[in-house]
Amino acid sequence: MTCRTCKHLKVQPDAAGRIVPRKANAYRCGAMEEVPPPVLPHSVTRGRDFRWPPHSRYMTPDEGEGCPLFTKR
């Protein structure tokens, strides 16, 4: 279970409509966009630069082993 077969890996389909992650490329992980933001008290987020999702992470197809947000494509 790596990012290669995860539905959250944002891979553009090729001309035939197939999703083929290339080993040498890095793709954006969209898992954090589908996870709701955590419910935090105002005392934690006040005066801080709190954003959700926290960052845009790029992954290679062979990364992500054991990711808790893995969802089979």
PDB file of N, CA and C in Angstrom:
ATOM      1  N   MET A   1       0.841  -1.175   0.000  1.00  0.00           N
ATOM      2  CA  MET A   1       0.000   0.000   0.000  1.00  0.00           C
ATOM      3  C   MET A   1       0.893   1.248   0.000  1.00  0.00           C
ATOM      4  N   THR A   2       1.121   1.754  -1.171  1.00  0.00           N
ATOM      5  CA  THR A   2       1.886   2.987  -1.311  1.00  0.00           C
ATOM      6  C   THR A   2       1.025   3.996  -2.055  1.00  0.00           C
ATOM      7  N   CYS A   3       1.568   5.170  -2.246  1.00  0.00           N
ATOM      8  CA  CYS A   3       0.828   6.238  -2.923  1.00  0.00           C
ATOM      9  C   CYS A   3       0.441   5.868  -4.356  1.00  0.00           C
ATOM     10  N   ARG A   4       1.160   4.931  -4.949  1.00  0.00           N
ATOM     11  CA  ARG A   4       0.891   4.539  -6.348  1.00  0.00           C
ATOM     12  C   ARG A   4      -0.566   4.126  -6.549  1.00  0.00           C
ATOM     13  N   THR A   5      -1.160   3.448  -5.579  1.00  0.00           N
ATOM     14  CA  THR A   5      -2.530   2.950  -5.730  1.00  0.00           C
ATOM     15  C   THR A   5      -3.530   3.709  -4.869  1.00  0.00           C
ATOM     16  N   CYS A   6      -3.129   4.844  -4.312  1.00  0.00           N
ATOM     17  CA  CYS A   6      -4.015   5.625  -3.447  1.00  0.00           C
ATOM     18  C   CYS A   6      -4.831   6.621  -4.269  1.00  0.00           C
ATOM     19  N   LYS A   7      -6.104   6.752  -3.958  1.00  0.00           N
ATOM     20  CA  LYS A   7      -6.959   7.671  -4.710  1.00  0.00           C
ATOM     21  C   LYS A   7      -6.631   9.133  -4.425  1.00  0.00           C
ATOM     22  N   HIS A   8      -5.924   9.427  -3.348  1.00  0.00           N
ATOM     23  CA  HIS A   8      -5.606  10.809  -2.997  1.00  0.00           C
ATOM     24  C   HIS A   8      -4.451  11.384  -3.803  1.00  0.00           C
ATOM     25  N   LEU A   9      -3.650  10.526  -4.449  1.00  0.00           N
ATOM     26  CA  LEU A   9      -2.523  10.994  -5.245  1.00  0.00           C
ATOM     27  C   LEU A   9      -3.077  11.642  -6.512  1.00  0.00           C
ATOM     28  N   LYS A  10      -2.788  12.909  -6.713  1.00  0.00           N
ATOM     29  CA  LYS A  10      -3.344  13.688  -7.819  1.00  0.00           C
ATOM     30  C   LYS A  10      -2.502  13.489  -9.076  1.00  0.00           C
ATOM     31  N   VAL A  11      -2.873  12.468  -9.857  1.00  0.00           N
ATOM     32  CA  VAL A  11      -2.177  12.142 -11.101  1.00  0.00           C
ATOM     33  C   VAL A  11      -3.118  12.459 -12.255  1.00  0.00           C
ATOM     34  N   GLN A  12      -2.632  13.238 -13.208  1.00  0.00           N
ATOM     35  CA  GLN A  12      -3.445  13.559 -14.383  1.00  0.00           C
ATOM     36  C   GLN A  12      -3.540  12.335 -15.291  1.00  0.00           C
ATOM     37  N   PRO A  13      -4.733  11.994 -15.768  1.00  0.00           N
ATOM     38  CA  PRO A  13      -4.865  10.860 -16.691  1.00  0.00           C
ATOM     39  C   PRO A  13      -4.132  11.146 -18.002  1.00  0.00           C
ATOM     40  N   ASP A  14      -3.629  10.086 -18.639  1.00  0.00           N
ATOM     41  CA  ASP A  14      -2.966  10.255 -19.929  1.00  0.00           C
ATOM     42  C   ASP A  14      -4.020  10.372 -21.030  1.00  0.00           C
ATOM     43  N   ALA A  15      -3.596  10.388 -22.288  1.00  0.00           N
ATOM     44  CA  ALA A  15      -4.516  10.581 -23.417  1.00  0.00           C
ATOM     45  C   ALA A  15      -5.567   9.474 -23.502  1.00  0.00           C
ATOM     46  N   ALA A  16      -5.234   8.277 -23.039  1.00  0.00           N
ATOM     47  CA  ALA A  16      -6.175   7.154 -23.076  1.00  0.00           C
ATOM     48  C   ALA A  16      -7.073   7.114 -21.837  1.00  0.00           C
ATOM     49  N   GLY A  17      -6.893   8.057 -20.903  1.00  0.00           N
ATOM     50  CA  GLY A  17      -7.710   8.100 -19.701  1.00  0.00           C
ATOM     51  C   GLY A  17      -7.185   7.259 -18.557  1.00  0.00           C
ATOM     52  N   ARG A  18      -5.989   6.693 -18.710  1.00  0.00           N
ATOM     53  CA  ARG A  18      -5.404   5.863 -17.657  1.00  0.00           C
ATOM     54  C   ARG A  18      -4.641   6.736 -16.659  1.00  0.00           C
ATOM     55  N   ILE A  19      -4.665   6.341 -15.407  1.00  0.00           N
ATOM     56  CA  ILE A  19      -3.885   7.020 -14.368  1.00  0.00           C
ATOM     57  C   ILE A  19      -2.645   6.177 -14.122  1.00  0.00           C
ATOM     58  N   VAL A  20      -1.503   6.695 -14.576  1.00  0.00           N
ATOM     59  CA  VAL A  20      -0.249   5.960 -14.477  1.00  0.00           C
ATOM     60  C   VAL A  20       0.781   6.832 -13.768  1.00  0.00           C
ATOM     61  N   PRO A  21       0.973   6.630 -12.454  1.00  0.00           N
ATOM     62  CA  PRO A  21       2.008   7.395 -11.744  1.00  0.00           C
ATOM     63  C   PRO A  21       3.401   6.954 -12.198  1.00  0.00           C
ATOM     64  N   ARG A  22       4.213   7.888 -12.621  1.00  0.00           N
ATOM     65  CA  ARG A  22       5.582   7.599 -13.062  1.00  0.00           C
ATOM     66  C   ARG A  22       6.520   7.646 -11.874  1.00  0.00           C
ATOM     67  N   LYS A  23       7.422   6.680 -11.800  1.00  0.00           N
ATOM     68  CA  LYS A  23       8.317   6.553 -10.654  1.00  0.00           C
ATOM     69  C   LYS A  23       9.191   7.789 -10.442  1.00  0.00           C
ATOM     70  N   ALA A  24       9.615   8.438 -11.508  1.00  0.00           N
ATOM     71  CA  ALA A  24      10.527   9.582 -11.410  1.00  0.00           C
ATOM     72  C   ALA A  24       9.801  10.897 -11.083  1.00  0.00           C
ATOM     73  N   ASN A  25       8.488  10.902 -11.094  1.00  0.00           N
ATOM     74  CA  ASN A  25       7.719  12.129 -10.851  1.00  0.00           C
ATOM     75  C   ASN A  25       7.206  12.197  -9.419  1.00  0.00           C
ATOM     76  N   ALA A  26       6.939  13.410  -8.970  1.00  0.00           N
ATOM     77  CA  ALA A  26       6.286  13.631  -7.671  1.00  0.00           C
ATOM     78  C   ALA A  26       4.921  14.244  -7.950  1.00  0.00           C
ATOM     79  N   TYR A  27       3.930  13.813  -7.212  1.00  0.00           N
ATOM     80  CA  TYR A  27       2.554  14.261  -7.403  1.00  0.00           C
ATOM     81  C   TYR A  27       2.014  14.807  -6.095  1.00  0.00           C
ATOM     82  N   ARG A  28       1.036  15.694  -6.203  1.00  0.00           N
ATOM     83  CA  ARG A  28       0.449  16.298  -5.008  1.00  0.00           C
ATOM     84  C   ARG A  28      -0.464  15.299  -4.308  1.00  0.00           C
ATOM     85  N   CYS A  29      -0.373  15.263  -2.991  1.00  0.00           N
ATOM     86  CA  CYS A  29      -1.247  14.422  -2.170  1.00  0.00           C
ATOM     87  C   CYS A  29      -2.462  15.250  -1.788  1.00  0.00           C
ATOM     88  N   GLY A  30      -3.639  14.765  -2.116  1.00  0.00           N
ATOM     89  CA  GLY A  30      -4.870  15.489  -1.829  1.00  0.00           C
ATOM     90  C   GLY A  30      -5.615  14.967  -0.614  1.00  0.00           C
ATOM     91  N   ALA A  31      -4.989  14.127   0.185  1.00  0.00           N
ATOM     92  CA  ALA A  31      -5.673  13.524   1.332  1.00  0.00           C
ATOM     93  C   ALA A  31      -6.115  14.572   2.347  1.00  0.00           C
ATOM     94  N   MET A  32      -5.285  15.570   2.591  1.00  0.00           N
ATOM     95  CA  MET A  32      -5.617  16.554   3.612  1.00  0.00           C
ATOM     96  C   MET A  32      -6.801  17.437   3.196  1.00  0.00           C
ATOM     97  N   GLU A  33      -7.067  17.523   1.905  1.00  0.00           N
ATOM     98  CA  GLU A  33      -8.221  18.300   1.434  1.00  0.00           C
ATOM     99  C   GLU A  33      -9.531  17.599   1.772  1.00  0.00           C
ATOM    100  N   GLU A  34      -9.488  16.286   1.931  1.00  0.00           N
ATOM    101  CA  GLU A  34     -10.698  15.512   2.190  1.00  0.00           C
ATOM    102  C   GLU A  34     -10.921  15.213   3.668  1.00  0.00           C
ATOM    103  N   VAL A  35      -9.953  15.559   4.493  1.00  0.00           N
ATOM    104  CA  VAL A  35     -10.069  15.349   5.934  1.00  0.00           C
ATOM    105  C   VAL A  35     -10.586  16.644   6.547  1.00  0.00           C
ATOM    106  N   PRO A  36     -11.629  16.576   7.373  1.00  0.00           N
ATOM    107  CA  PRO A  36     -12.140  17.820   7.970  1.00  0.00           C
ATOM    108  C   PRO A  36     -11.121  18.428   8.930  1.00  0.00           C
ATOM    109  N   PRO A  37     -11.132  19.749   9.053  1.00  0.00           N
ATOM    110  CA  PRO A  37     -10.188  20.377   9.974  1.00  0.00           C
ATOM    111  C   PRO A  37     -10.460  19.960  11.414  1.00  0.00           C
ATOM    112  N   PRO A  38      -9.418  19.889  12.218  1.00  0.00           N
ATOM    113  CA  PRO A  38      -9.621  19.505  13.613  1.00  0.00           C
ATOM    114  C   PRO A  38     -10.373  20.599  14.368  1.00  0.00           C
ATOM    115  N   VAL A  39     -11.133  20.187  15.357  1.00  0.00           N
ATOM    116  CA  VAL A  39     -11.845  21.147  16.197  1.00  0.00           C
ATOM    117  C   VAL A  39     -10.910  21.534  17.337  1.00  0.00           C
ATOM    118  N   LEU A  40     -10.410  22.760  17.283  1.00  0.00           N
ATOM    119  CA  LEU A  40      -9.472  23.235  18.292  1.00  0.00           C
ATOM    120  C   LEU A  40     -10.077  24.424  19.027  1.00  0.00           C
ATOM    121  N   PRO A  41      -9.798  24.575  20.297  1.00  0.00           N
ATOM    122  CA  PRO A  41     -10.316  25.719  21.036  1.00  0.00           C
ATOM    123  C   PRO A  41      -9.675  27.017  20.546  1.00  0.00           C
ATOM    124  N   HIS A  42     -10.365  28.105  20.749  1.00  0.00           N
ATOM    125  CA  HIS A  42      -9.892  29.420  20.324  1.00  0.00           C
ATOM    126  C   HIS A  42      -8.542  29.759  20.954  1.00  0.00           C
ATOM    127  N   SER A  43      -8.304  29.270  22.154  1.00  0.00           N
ATOM    128  CA  SER A  43      -7.038  29.573  22.827  1.00  0.00           C
ATOM    129  C   SER A  43      -5.839  28.969  22.095  1.00  0.00           C
ATOM    130  N   VAL A  44      -6.065  27.936  21.295  1.00  0.00           N
ATOM    131  CA  VAL A  44      -4.975  27.307  20.551  1.00  0.00           C
ATOM    132  C   VAL A  44      -4.729  28.035  19.228  1.00  0.00           C
ATOM    133  N   THR A  45      -5.796  28.448  18.561  1.00  0.00           N
ATOM    134  CA  THR A  45      -5.664  29.049  17.232  1.00  0.00           C
ATOM    135  C   THR A  45      -5.547  30.565  17.255  1.00  0.00           C
ATOM    136  N   ARG A  46      -5.848  31.201  18.365  1.00  0.00           N
ATOM    137  CA  ARG A  46      -5.839  32.663  18.455  1.00  0.00           C
ATOM    138  C   ARG A  46      -4.425  33.209  18.239  1.00  0.00           C
ATOM    139  N   GLY A  47      -4.288  34.163  17.334  1.00  0.00           N
ATOM    140  CA  GLY A  47      -3.012  34.814  17.114  1.00  0.00           C
ATOM    141  C   GLY A  47      -1.983  33.973  16.384  1.00  0.00           C
ATOM    142  N   ARG A  48      -2.404  32.853  15.877  1.00  0.00           N
ATOM    143  CA  ARG A  48      -1.469  31.988  15.163  1.00  0.00           C
ATOM    144  C   ARG A  48      -1.908  31.866  13.712  1.00  0.00           C
ATOM    145  N   ASP A  49      -0.982  31.517  12.869  1.00  0.00           N
ATOM    146  CA  ASP A  49      -1.281  31.323  11.455  1.00  0.00           C
ATOM    147  C   ASP A  49      -1.773  29.893  11.259  1.00  0.00           C
ATOM    148  N   PHE A  50      -3.027  29.630  11.616  1.00  0.00           N
ATOM    149  CA  PHE A  50      -3.589  28.297  11.506  1.00  0.00           C
ATOM    150  C   PHE A  50      -4.310  28.174  10.171  1.00  0.00           C
ATOM    151  N   ARG A  51      -3.872  27.225   9.357  1.00  0.00           N
ATOM    152  CA  ARG A  51      -4.499  26.978   8.054  1.00  0.00           C
ATOM    153  C   ARG A  51      -4.865  25.505   7.956  1.00  0.00           C
ATOM    154  N   TRP A  52      -5.882  25.210   7.180  1.00  0.00           N
ATOM    155  CA  TRP A  52      -6.227  23.835   6.883  1.00  0.00           C
ATOM    156  C   TRP A  52      -6.531  23.714   5.417  1.00  0.00           C
ATOM    157  N   PRO A  53      -5.946  22.830   4.673  1.00  0.00           N
ATOM    158  CA  PRO A  53      -4.938  21.874   5.090  1.00  0.00           C
ATOM    159  C   PRO A  53      -3.626  22.557   5.429  1.00  0.00           C
ATOM    160  N   PRO A  54      -2.805  21.924   6.266  1.00  0.00           N
ATOM    161  CA  PRO A  54      -1.597  22.575   6.747  1.00  0.00           C
ATOM    162  C   PRO A  54      -0.565  22.853   5.662  1.00  0.00           C
ATOM    163  N   HIS A  55      -0.466  22.016   4.648  1.00  0.00           N
ATOM    164  CA  HIS A  55       0.498  22.233   3.575  1.00  0.00           C
ATOM    165  C   HIS A  55       0.119  21.369   2.384  1.00  0.00           C
ATOM    166  N   SER A  56       0.736  21.624   1.285  1.00  0.00           N
ATOM    167  CA  SER A  56       0.540  20.808   0.096  1.00  0.00           C
ATOM    168  C   SER A  56       1.763  19.919  -0.048  1.00  0.00           C
ATOM    169  N   ARG A  57       1.605  18.668   0.166  1.00  0.00           N
ATOM    170  CA  ARG A  57       2.722  17.724   0.180  1.00  0.00           C
ATOM    171  C   ARG A  57       2.797  17.010  -1.167  1.00  0.00           C
ATOM    172  N   TYR A  58       4.013  16.873  -1.686  1.00  0.00           N
ATOM    173  CA  TYR A  58       4.241  16.137  -2.919  1.00  0.00           C
ATOM    174  C   TYR A  58       4.873  14.793  -2.586  1.00  0.00           C
ATOM    175  N   MET A  59       4.369  13.743  -3.228  1.00  0.00           N
ATOM    176  CA  MET A  59       4.797  12.383  -2.944  1.00  0.00           C
ATOM    177  C   MET A  59       5.236  11.700  -4.238  1.00  0.00           C
ATOM    178  N   THR A  60       6.196  10.779  -4.122  1.00  0.00           N
ATOM    179  CA  THR A  60       6.524   9.911  -5.244  1.00  0.00           C
ATOM    180  C   THR A  60       5.638   8.673  -5.127  1.00  0.00           C
ATOM    181  N   PRO A  61       5.421   7.942  -6.219  1.00  0.00           N
ATOM    182  CA  PRO A  61       4.515   6.791  -6.166  1.00  0.00           C
ATOM    183  C   PRO A  61       4.913   5.712  -5.161  1.00  0.00           C
ATOM    184  N   ASP A  62       6.197   5.613  -4.813  1.00  0.00           N
ATOM    185  CA  ASP A  62       6.636   4.548  -3.901  1.00  0.00           C
ATOM    186  C   ASP A  62       6.682   4.981  -2.446  1.00  0.00           C
ATOM    187  N   GLU A  63       6.272   6.205  -2.130  1.00  0.00           N
ATOM    188  CA  GLU A  63       6.224   6.668  -0.741  1.00  0.00           C
ATOM    189  C   GLU A  63       4.861   6.347  -0.136  1.00  0.00           C
ATOM    190  N   GLY A  64       4.703   6.658   1.128  1.00  0.00           N
ATOM    191  CA  GLY A  64       3.408   6.545   1.794  1.00  0.00           C
ATOM    192  C   GLY A  64       3.111   5.204   2.420  1.00  0.00           C
ATOM    193  N   GLU A  65       4.096   4.352   2.575  1.00  0.00           N
ATOM    194  CA  GLU A  65       3.872   3.044   3.198  1.00  0.00           C
ATOM    195  C   GLU A  65       3.321   3.229   4.613  1.00  0.00           C
ATOM    196  N   GLY A  66       2.181   2.633   4.891  1.00  0.00           N
ATOM    197  CA  GLY A  66       1.580   2.706   6.222  1.00  0.00           C
ATOM    198  C   GLY A  66       0.815   3.994   6.488  1.00  0.00           C
ATOM    199  N   CYS A  67       0.507   4.776   5.479  1.00  0.00           N
ATOM    200  CA  CYS A  67      -0.238   6.031   5.672  1.00  0.00           C
ATOM    201  C   CYS A  67      -1.642   5.734   6.192  1.00  0.00           C
ATOM    202  N   PRO A  68      -2.086   6.391   7.266  1.00  0.00           N
ATOM    203  CA  PRO A  68      -3.414   6.114   7.807  1.00  0.00           C
ATOM    204  C   PRO A  68      -4.546   6.650   6.917  1.00  0.00           C
ATOM    205  N   LEU A  69      -4.242   7.523   5.960  1.00  0.00           N
ATOM    206  CA  LEU A  69      -5.270   8.074   5.068  1.00  0.00           C
ATOM    207  C   LEU A  69      -5.337   7.355   3.720  1.00  0.00           C
ATOM    208  N   PHE A  70      -4.582   6.258   3.587  1.00  0.00           N
ATOM    209  CA  PHE A  70      -4.580   5.503   2.323  1.00  0.00           C
ATOM    210  C   PHE A  70      -5.975   5.007   2.008  1.00  0.00           C
ATOM    211  N   THR A  71      -6.400   5.236   0.760  1.00  0.00           N
ATOM    212  CA  THR A  71      -7.671   4.716   0.257  1.00  0.00           C
ATOM    213  C   THR A  71      -7.412   4.162  -1.130  1.00  0.00           C
ATOM    214  N   LYS A  72      -7.723   2.895  -1.331  1.00  0.00           N
ATOM    215  CA  LYS A  72      -7.441   2.255  -2.611  1.00  0.00           C
ATOM    216  C   LYS A  72      -8.228   2.926  -3.736  1.00  0.00           C
ATOM    217  N   ARG A  73      -7.532   3.156  -4.848  1.00  0.00           N
ATOM    218  CA  ARG A  73      -8.163   3.754  -6.030  1.00  0.00           C
ATOM    219  C   ARG A  73      -8.985   2.718  -6.725  1.00  0.00           C
TER     220      ARG A  73
END
